[in-house]
C-alpha atoms as a PDB file:
ATOM      1  CA  MET A   1      24.269 -45.954  14.299  1.00  0.00           C
ATOM      2  CA  ILE A   2      25.723 -46.536  10.971  1.00  0.00           C
ATOM      3  CA  ILE A   3      25.587 -43.579   8.641  1.00  0.00           C
ATOM      4  CA  ASN A   4      25.560 -44.136   5.084  1.00  0.00           C
ATOM      5  CA  LYS A   5      25.083 -42.073   2.062  1.00  0.00           C
ATOM      6  CA  TYR A   6      21.143 -42.655   2.017  1.00  0.00           C
ATOM      7  CA  THR A   7      21.034 -41.401   5.581  1.00  0.00           C
ATOM      8  CA  LYS A   8      23.189 -38.507   4.808  1.00  0.00           C
ATOM      9  CA  THR A   9      20.972 -37.679   1.802  1.00  0.00           C
ATOM     10  CA  ILE A  10      17.714 -37.620   4.188  1.00  0.00           C
ATOM     11  CA  VAL A  11      19.350 -35.394   6.902  1.00  0.00           C
ATOM     12  CA  VAL A  12      20.645 -32.942   4.368  1.00  0.00           C
ATOM     13  CA  PHE A  13      17.291 -32.799   2.936  1.00  0.00           C
ATOM     14  CA  LEU A  14      15.445 -32.224   6.159  1.00  0.00           C
ATOM     15  CA  LEU A  15      18.242 -29.594   7.118  1.00  0.00           C
ATOM     16  CA  LEU A  16      17.193 -27.564   3.632  1.00  0.00           C
ATOM     17  CA  LEU A  17      13.509 -28.034   4.185  1.00  0.00           C
ATOM     18  CA  SER A  18      13.462 -26.441   7.839  1.00  0.00           C
ATOM     19  CA  MET A  19      15.539 -23.617   6.456  1.00  0.00           C
ATOM     20  CA  ASN A  20      12.929 -22.873   3.564  1.00  0.00           C
ATOM     21  CA  VAL A  21      10.300 -23.289   6.086  1.00  0.00           C
ATOM     22  CA  VAL A  22      11.934 -20.579   8.379  1.00  0.00           C
ATOM     23  CA  PHE A  23      12.630 -18.363   5.269  1.00  0.00           C
ATOM     24  CA  ALA A  24       9.369 -18.530   4.038  1.00  0.00           C
ATOM     25  CA  ALA A  25       7.799 -17.798   7.494  1.00  0.00           C
ATOM     26  CA  SER A  26       9.796 -14.467   7.375  1.00  0.00           C
ATOM     27  CA  ASN A  27       9.846 -13.805   3.719  1.00  0.00           C
ATOM     28  CA  ARG A  28       6.916 -11.012   3.483  1.00  0.00           C
ATOM     29  CA  SER A  29       6.997  -7.169   2.430  1.00  0.00           C
ATOM     30  CA  VAL A  30       5.107  -4.896   4.752  1.00  0.00           C
ATOM     31  CA  GLU A  31       3.622  -1.447   2.800  1.00  0.00           C
ATOM     32  CA  PHE A  32       3.092   1.785   4.635  1.00  0.00           C
ATOM     33  CA  PHE A  33       1.038   4.500   3.183  1.00  0.00           C
ATOM     34  CA  ALA A  34       1.776   8.001   4.519  1.00  0.00           C
ATOM     35  CA  SER A  35       1.082  11.726   3.757  1.00  0.00           C
ATOM     36  CA  ASN A  36       2.358  15.167   5.057  1.00  0.00           C
ATOM     37  CA  ASN A  37      -0.628  16.891   3.813  1.00  0.00           C
ATOM     38  CA  THR A  38      -2.799  18.505   6.622  1.00  0.00           C
ATOM     39  CA  LYS A  39      -5.764  19.773   5.505  1.00  0.00           C
ATOM     40  CA  VAL A  40      -9.004  18.695   3.154  1.00  0.00           C
ATOM     41  CA  ILE A  41      -7.719  19.282  -0.844  1.00  0.00           C
ATOM     42  CA  ASP A  42      -8.803  18.296  -4.222  1.00  0.00           C
ATOM     43  CA  LEU A  43      -6.833  15.673  -6.671  1.00  0.00           C
ATOM     44  CA  GLN A  44      -5.347  18.688  -8.762  1.00  0.00           C
ATOM     45  CA  THR A  45      -3.584  20.080  -5.579  1.00  0.00           C
ATOM     46  CA  ALA A  46      -2.824  16.673  -4.320  1.00  0.00           C
ATOM     47  CA  PHE A  47      -1.121  15.911  -7.628  1.00  0.00           C
ATOM     48  CA  ASN A  48       0.907  19.417  -7.591  1.00  0.00           C
ATOM     49  CA  ARG A  49       2.109  18.387  -4.403  1.00  0.00           C
ATOM     50  CA  LEU A  50       3.019  14.832  -5.914  1.00  0.00           C
ATOM     51  CA  LYS A  51       5.215  16.328  -8.401  1.00  0.00           C
ATOM     52  CA  GLY A  52       6.757  19.346  -5.950  1.00  0.00           C
ATOM     53  CA  ASN A  53       8.674  19.705  -3.177  1.00  0.00           C
ATOM     54  CA  GLU A  54       6.270  18.328  -0.616  1.00  0.00           C
ATOM     55  CA  GLN A  55       6.801  14.803  -2.046  1.00  0.00           C
ATOM     56  CA  SER A  56      10.379  15.237  -1.676  1.00  0.00           C
ATOM     57  CA  GLU A  57      10.161  16.147   1.930  1.00  0.00           C
ATOM     58  CA  LEU A  58       7.409  13.308   2.827  1.00  0.00           C
ATOM     59  CA  GLN A  59      10.100  10.747   1.250  1.00  0.00           C
ATOM     60  CA  ASN A  60      13.038  12.048   3.171  1.00  0.00           C
ATOM     61  CA  SER A  61      11.015  12.124   6.479  1.00  0.00           C
ATOM     62  CA  MET A  62       9.908   8.457   5.909  1.00  0.00           C
ATOM     63  CA  ILE A  63      13.571   7.620   5.493  1.00  0.00           C
ATOM     64  CA  ASP A  64      14.678   9.174   8.506  1.00  0.00           C
ATOM     65  CA  VAL A  65      12.036   7.105  10.549  1.00  0.00           C
ATOM     66  CA  MET A  66      13.173   3.918   9.013  1.00  0.00           C
ATOM     67  CA  GLN A  67      17.089   4.397   9.256  1.00  0.00           C
ATOM     68  CA  VAL A  68      16.536   5.544  12.651  1.00  0.00           C
ATOM     69  CA  ASN A  69      14.969   2.175  13.398  1.00  0.00           C
ATOM     70  CA  HIS A  70      17.413   0.307  11.441  1.00  0.00           C
ATOM     71  CA  VAL A  71      14.737  -0.937   8.625  1.00  0.00           C
ATOM     72  CA  GLU A  72      16.550  -2.204   5.508  1.00  0.00           C
ATOM     73  CA  GLN A  73      16.329  -0.254   2.388  1.00  0.00           C
ATOM     74  CA  GLY A  74      12.823  -0.925   0.660  1.00  0.00           C
ATOM     75  CA  LYS A  75      11.161   0.805  -2.416  1.00  0.00           C
ATOM     76  CA  PHE A  76       9.131   3.993  -2.552  1.00  0.00           C
ATOM     77  CA  GLU A  77       6.414   4.687  -4.800  1.00  0.00           C
ATOM     78  CA  ASP A  78       4.578   8.011  -5.702  1.00  0.00           C
ATOM     79  CA  ILE A  79       0.865   7.965  -5.546  1.00  0.00           C
ATOM     80  CA  LEU A  80      -2.446   9.854  -5.327  1.00  0.00           C
ATOM     81  CA  GLY A  81      -4.937   8.783  -2.810  1.00  0.00           C
ATOM     82  CA  THR A  82      -8.181   9.596  -1.651  1.00  0.00           C
ATOM     83  CA  TYR A  83      -9.469   9.045   1.851  1.00  0.00           C
ATOM     84  CA  GLN A  84     -12.197   9.560   4.494  1.00  0.00           C
ATOM     85  CA  MET A  85     -11.167  11.779   7.433  1.00  0.00           C
ATOM     86  CA  SER A  86     -11.962   9.873  10.780  1.00  0.00           C
ATOM     87  CA  ASN A  87     -12.793  13.254  12.591  1.00  0.00           C
ATOM     88  CA  ASP A  88     -15.382  14.864  10.599  1.00  0.00           C
ATOM     89  CA  LYS A  89     -15.738  12.038   7.869  1.00  0.00           C
ATOM     90  CA  LYS A  90     -14.887  14.523   5.016  1.00  0.00           C
ATOM     91  CA  ILE A  91     -13.360  13.021   1.813  1.00  0.00           C
ATOM     92  CA  THR A  92      -9.903  14.477   0.820  1.00  0.00           C
ATOM     93  CA  ALA A  93      -7.410  13.667  -2.050  1.00  0.00           C
ATOM     94  CA  ASP A  94      -3.695  13.220  -0.906  1.00  0.00           C
ATOM     95  CA  ASN A  95       0.058  13.045  -1.839  1.00  0.00           C
ATOM     96  CA  THR A  96       0.938   9.619  -0.944  1.00  0.00           C
ATOM     97  CA  GLU A  97       4.224   7.882  -0.224  1.00  0.00           C
ATOM     98  CA  HIS A  98       3.783   3.783  -0.557  1.00  0.00           C
ATOM     99  CA  PHE A  99       6.809   2.652   1.108  1.00  0.00           C
ATOM    100  CA  ILE A 100       7.633  -1.319   0.757  1.00  0.00           C
ATOM    101  CA  THR A 101       9.848  -3.066   3.159  1.00  0.00           C
ATOM    102  CA  SER A 102      12.513  -5.538   1.957  1.00  0.00           C
ATOM    103  CA  PRO A 103      11.111  -9.160   2.047  1.00  0.00           C
ATOM    104  CA  TYR A 104      14.298 -10.475   3.849  1.00  0.00           C
ATOM    105  CA  GLN A 105      13.789  -8.513   7.050  1.00  0.00           C
ATOM    106  CA  ASP A 106      11.332  -9.875   9.004  1.00  0.00           C
ATOM    107  CA  LEU A 107       9.297  -7.145  11.196  1.00  0.00           C
ATOM    108  CA  SER A 108       7.153  -8.115  14.114  1.00  0.00           C
ATOM    109  CA  ASP A 109       3.850  -6.843  14.239  1.00  0.00           C
ATOM    110  CA  GLU A 110       4.565  -4.824  17.164  1.00  0.00           C
ATOM    111  CA  LYS A 111       7.332  -3.507  15.145  1.00  0.00           C
ATOM    112  CA  ILE A 112       5.350  -2.622  11.978  1.00  0.00           C
ATOM    113  CA  PHE A 113       2.711  -0.563  14.186  1.00  0.00           C
ATOM    114  CA  SER A 114       5.484   1.278  16.142  1.00  0.00           C
ATOM    115  CA  LEU A 115       6.883   2.373  12.822  1.00  0.00           C
ATOM    116  CA  ALA A 116       3.376   3.445  11.908  1.00  0.00           C
ATOM    117  CA  LYS A 117       2.742   5.145  14.806  1.00  0.00           C
ATOM    118  CA  GLU A 118       5.994   7.199  14.867  1.00  0.00           C
ATOM    119  CA  LEU A 119       5.380   8.216  11.129  1.00  0.00           C
ATOM    120  CA  ALA A 120       1.739   9.458  11.983  1.00  0.00           C
ATOM    121  CA  ILE A 121       3.521  11.460  14.564  1.00  0.00           C
ATOM    122  CA  LYS A 122       6.361  12.965  12.596  1.00  0.00           C
ATOM    123  CA  LEU A 123       4.192  13.426   9.817  1.00  0.00           C
ATOM    124  CA  ASN A 124       1.539  15.008  11.775  1.00  0.00           C
ATOM    125  CA  GLN A 125      -1.037  12.719  10.218  1.00  0.00           C
ATOM    126  CA  ASP A 126      -4.569  11.505  11.742  1.00  0.00           C
ATOM    127  CA  SER A 127      -3.027   8.055  10.726  1.00  0.00           C
ATOM    128  CA  VAL A 128      -0.834   5.860   8.603  1.00  0.00           C
ATOM    129  CA  ALA A 129      -2.125   2.889   6.515  1.00  0.00           C
ATOM    130  CA  VAL A 130      -0.233  -0.638   6.888  1.00  0.00           C
ATOM    131  CA  PHE A 131      -1.040  -3.453   4.467  1.00  0.00           C
ATOM    132  CA  ILE A 132       0.726  -6.889   5.639  1.00  0.00           C
ATOM    133  CA  GLN A 133       0.297  -9.614   3.161  1.00  0.00           C
ATOM    134  CA  ASP A 134      -0.624 -12.949   4.307  1.00  0.00           C
ATOM    135  CA  ASN A 135      -2.922 -15.872   3.355  1.00  0.00           C
ATOM    136  CA  SER A 136      -5.883 -14.178   5.642  1.00  0.00           C
ATOM    137  CA  SER A 137      -8.637 -12.692   3.546  1.00  0.00           C
ATOM    138  CA  LEU A 138      -8.609 -10.651   0.131  1.00  0.00           C
ATOM    139  CA  SER A 139      -7.822  -6.962   1.280  1.00  0.00           C
ATOM    140  CA  ASP A 140      -6.144  -5.761  -2.011  1.00  0.00           C
ATOM    141  CA  VAL A 141      -7.486  -5.310  -5.714  1.00  0.00           C
ATOM    142  CA  THR A 142      -5.896  -3.502  -8.252  1.00  0.00           C
ATOM    143  CA  VAL A 143      -7.197  -2.791 -11.810  1.00  0.00           C
ATOM    144  CA  SER A 144      -4.534  -2.199 -14.747  1.00  0.00           C
ATOM    145  CA  PHE A 145      -5.644  -0.262 -17.664  1.00  0.00           C
ATOM    146  CA  THR A 146      -4.414  -2.575 -20.558  1.00  0.00           C
ATOM    147  CA  SER A 147      -7.425  -1.581 -23.040  1.00  0.00           C
ATOM    148  CA  GLN A 148      -7.110   2.225 -22.615  1.00  0.00           C
ATOM    149  CA  HIS A 149      -5.280   5.179 -21.350  1.00  0.00           C
ATOM    150  CA  PRO A 150      -7.477   7.062 -18.922  1.00  0.00           C
ATOM    151  CA  ARG A 151      -6.792  10.475 -17.327  1.00  0.00           C
ATOM    152  CA  ILE A 152      -7.498  11.407 -13.707  1.00  0.00           C
ATOM    153  CA  ASN A 153     -10.948  12.820 -14.134  1.00  0.00           C
ATOM    154  CA  ASP A 154     -11.910   9.971 -16.530  1.00  0.00           C
ATOM    155  CA  VAL A 155     -11.043   7.378 -13.701  1.00  0.00           C
ATOM    156  CA  VAL A 156     -12.842   9.340 -10.823  1.00  0.00           C
ATOM    157  CA  ASN A 157     -16.113   9.494 -13.275  1.00  0.00           C
ATOM    158  CA  MET A 158     -15.669   5.584 -13.936  1.00  0.00           C
ATOM    159  CA  ILE A 159     -15.499   5.257 -10.213  1.00  0.00           C
ATOM    160  CA  HIS A 160     -18.727   7.272  -9.470  1.00  0.00           C
ATOM    161  CA  ASP A 161     -20.379   5.615 -12.453  1.00  0.00           C
ATOM    162  CA  LYS A 162     -19.714   2.051 -12.291  1.00  0.00           C
ATOM    163  CA  LEU A 163     -19.312   1.283  -8.416  1.00  0.00           C
ATOM    164  CA  PRO A 164     -21.172   1.627  -5.123  1.00  0.00           C
ATOM    165  CA  GLU A 165     -20.752   4.696  -3.307  1.00  0.00           C
ATOM    166  CA  GLN A 166     -18.081   3.021  -0.685  1.00  0.00           C
ATOM    167  CA  TYR A 167     -15.622   2.336  -3.394  1.00  0.00           C
ATOM    168  CA  ASN A 168     -15.444   6.302  -3.823  1.00  0.00           C
ATOM    169  CA  LYS A 169     -14.414   7.164  -0.098  1.00  0.00           C
ATOM    170  CA  ALA A 170     -10.754   5.294  -0.576  1.00  0.00           C
ATOM    171  CA  PHE A 171      -8.994   4.679  -3.270  1.00  0.00           C
ATOM    172  CA  SER A 172      -5.323   4.882  -4.567  1.00  0.00           C
ATOM    173  CA  ILE A 173      -4.304   6.071  -8.501  1.00  0.00           C
ATOM    174  CA  HIS A 174      -0.871   5.041 -10.019  1.00  0.00           C
ATOM    175  CA  LEU A 175       0.050   7.246 -12.492  1.00  0.00           C
ATOM    176  CA  THR A 176       2.508   6.428 -15.540  1.00  0.00           C
ATOM    177  CA  LYS A 177       5.796   7.883 -14.951  1.00  0.00           C
ATOM    178  CA  LYS A 178       5.462  10.345 -17.983  1.00  0.00           C
ATOM    179  CA  SER A 179       2.542  12.301 -16.437  1.00  0.00           C
ATOM    180  CA  ASP A 180       3.478  15.912 -15.696  1.00  0.00           C
ATOM    181  CA  ASP A 181       0.600  17.827 -16.155  1.00  0.00           C
ATOM    182  CA  PHE A 182      -2.559  17.226 -14.313  1.00  0.00           C
ATOM    183  CA  ASN A 183      -5.005  17.248 -17.078  1.00  0.00           C
ATOM    184  CA  ASN A 184      -3.045  15.046 -19.256  1.00  0.00           C
ATOM    185  CA  ALA A 185      -1.636  12.661 -16.680  1.00  0.00           C
ATOM    186  CA  VAL A 186      -2.230   8.961 -17.674  1.00  0.00           C
ATOM    187  CA  VAL A 187      -3.644   6.409 -14.917  1.00  0.00           C
ATOM    188  CA  ASP A 188      -1.445   3.136 -15.076  1.00  0.00           C
ATOM    189  CA  LYS A 189      -3.455   1.446 -12.308  1.00  0.00           C
ATOM    190  CA  LEU A 190      -6.352   1.912  -9.627  1.00  0.00           C
ATOM    191  CA  GLU A 191      -6.421   0.236  -6.413  1.00  0.00           C
ATOM    192  CA  TRP A 192      -8.447  -0.350  -3.250  1.00  0.00           C
ATOM    193  CA  LEU A 193      -7.385  -1.893   0.034  1.00  0.00           C
ATOM    194  CA  GLY A 194      -9.442  -3.216   2.719  1.00  0.00           C
ATOM    195  CA  SER A 195     -11.562  -6.240   3.784  1.00  0.00           C
ATOM    196  CA  THR A 196     -14.676  -5.131   2.470  1.00  0.00           C
ATOM    197  CA  ILE A 197     -13.767  -5.032  -1.217  1.00  0.00           C
ATOM    198  CA  ASP A 198     -16.069  -7.195  -3.512  1.00  0.00           C
ATOM    199  CA  LEU A 199     -13.795  -8.542  -6.355  1.00  0.00           C
ATOM    200  CA  ASP A 200     -16.862  -9.562  -8.371  1.00  0.00           C
ATOM    201  CA  ILE A 201     -18.048  -6.049  -8.560  1.00  0.00           C
ATOM    202  CA  ILE A 202     -14.733  -4.767  -9.502  1.00  0.00           C
ATOM    203  CA  LYS A 203     -14.351  -7.167 -12.248  1.00  0.00           C
ATOM    204  CA  GLN A 204     -17.992  -6.379 -13.451  1.00  0.00           C
ATOM    205  CA  ALA A 205     -17.130  -2.601 -13.540  1.00  0.00           C
ATOM    206  CA  PHE A 206     -13.901  -3.252 -15.498  1.00  0.00           C
ATOM    207  CA  PRO A 207     -14.362  -6.259 -17.679  1.00  0.00           C
ATOM    208  CA  ALA A 208     -11.754  -5.278 -20.229  1.00  0.00           C
ATOM    209  CA  GLU A 209      -8.818  -4.376 -17.818  1.00  0.00           C
ATOM    210  CA  LYS A 210      -6.637  -6.516 -16.072  1.00  0.00           C
ATOM    211  CA  ILE A 211      -7.481  -7.346 -12.299  1.00  0.00           C
ATOM    212  CA  ASP A 212      -5.070  -8.462  -9.422  1.00  0.00           C
ATOM    213  CA  SER A 213      -5.716  -9.210  -6.061  1.00  0.00           C
ATOM    214  CA  ARG A 214      -3.841 -10.039  -2.884  1.00  0.00           C
ATOM    215  CA  ASN A 215      -4.435 -11.544   0.511  1.00  0.00           C
ATOM    216  CA  GLY A 216      -3.795  -9.662   3.661  1.00  0.00           C
ATOM    217  CA  LYS A 217      -4.343  -7.553   6.581  1.00  0.00           C
ATOM    218  CA  PHE A 218      -5.175  -3.816   6.155  1.00  0.00           C
ATOM    219  CA  TYR A 219      -5.061  -1.411   9.280  1.00  0.00           C
ATOM    220  CA  LEU A 220      -4.895   2.281  10.168  1.00  0.00           C
ATOM    221  CA  VAL A 221      -2.196   2.890  13.025  1.00  0.00           C
ATOM    222  CA  TYR A 222      -3.084   6.757  14.864  1.00  0.00           C
ATOM    223  CA  GLN A 223      -0.801   8.750  16.802  1.00  0.00           C
ATOM    224  CA  ASP A 224      -2.084   7.682  20.106  1.00  0.00           C
ATOM    225  CA  GLY A 225      -1.243   4.003  18.840  1.00  0.00           C
ATOM    226  CA  ARG A 226      -4.752   2.815  18.442  1.00  0.00           C
ATOM    227  CA  ILE A 227      -4.619   0.315  15.767  1.00  0.00           C
ATOM    228  CA  GLU A 228      -7.909  -0.273  13.423  1.00  0.00           C
ATOM    229  CA  ARG A 229      -8.328  -3.129  10.820  1.00  0.00           C
ATOM    230  CA  LEU A 230     -10.172  -2.344   7.967  1.00  0.00           C
END
């Protein structure tokens, strides 16, 4: 076969294209949401834990698990959370550590769920939440407050007054970095995860704010290895 410059160009193009396809397939971040709280607490107690030694201990414990399992350096974020406990269905606040893996390390679903199970056991948690971004269905909606600077209690009141009851049971509160006191802490973002979110309802409730959404799958992984998609 005679190879000319045009043939070479096509070969190089196809090689680069195949490399990009492989890279794109593995270029995904995985997000873990975990806590080290073991009882029902209110938001102010969760805030105090978020600002105290409990949160540092939580992050160090998660780092230990990730390092032992050779997970590359990711990104941590401290957030307030609320969720409904699986055993007695009570609603509790939580100090939550949000860990986002590097998009350049391809983790299989088996490895992701194994990590979540190990975290649940190490932290003595009912479960650890996992978000895997993909093209499936809407599973993450975030409200960024751009028209106002609400406090924690303001946001909780908004959720109760503006949204159906199901939105009160589990949500995440992202605070500004200057938040040092519970009563004066400013909320930057409000977030819901799961496949039952109705984007239109949230847009109607917060018409003046910036709304972002992502597709993916959201799971709870329990200590016994049970996996529940929400």
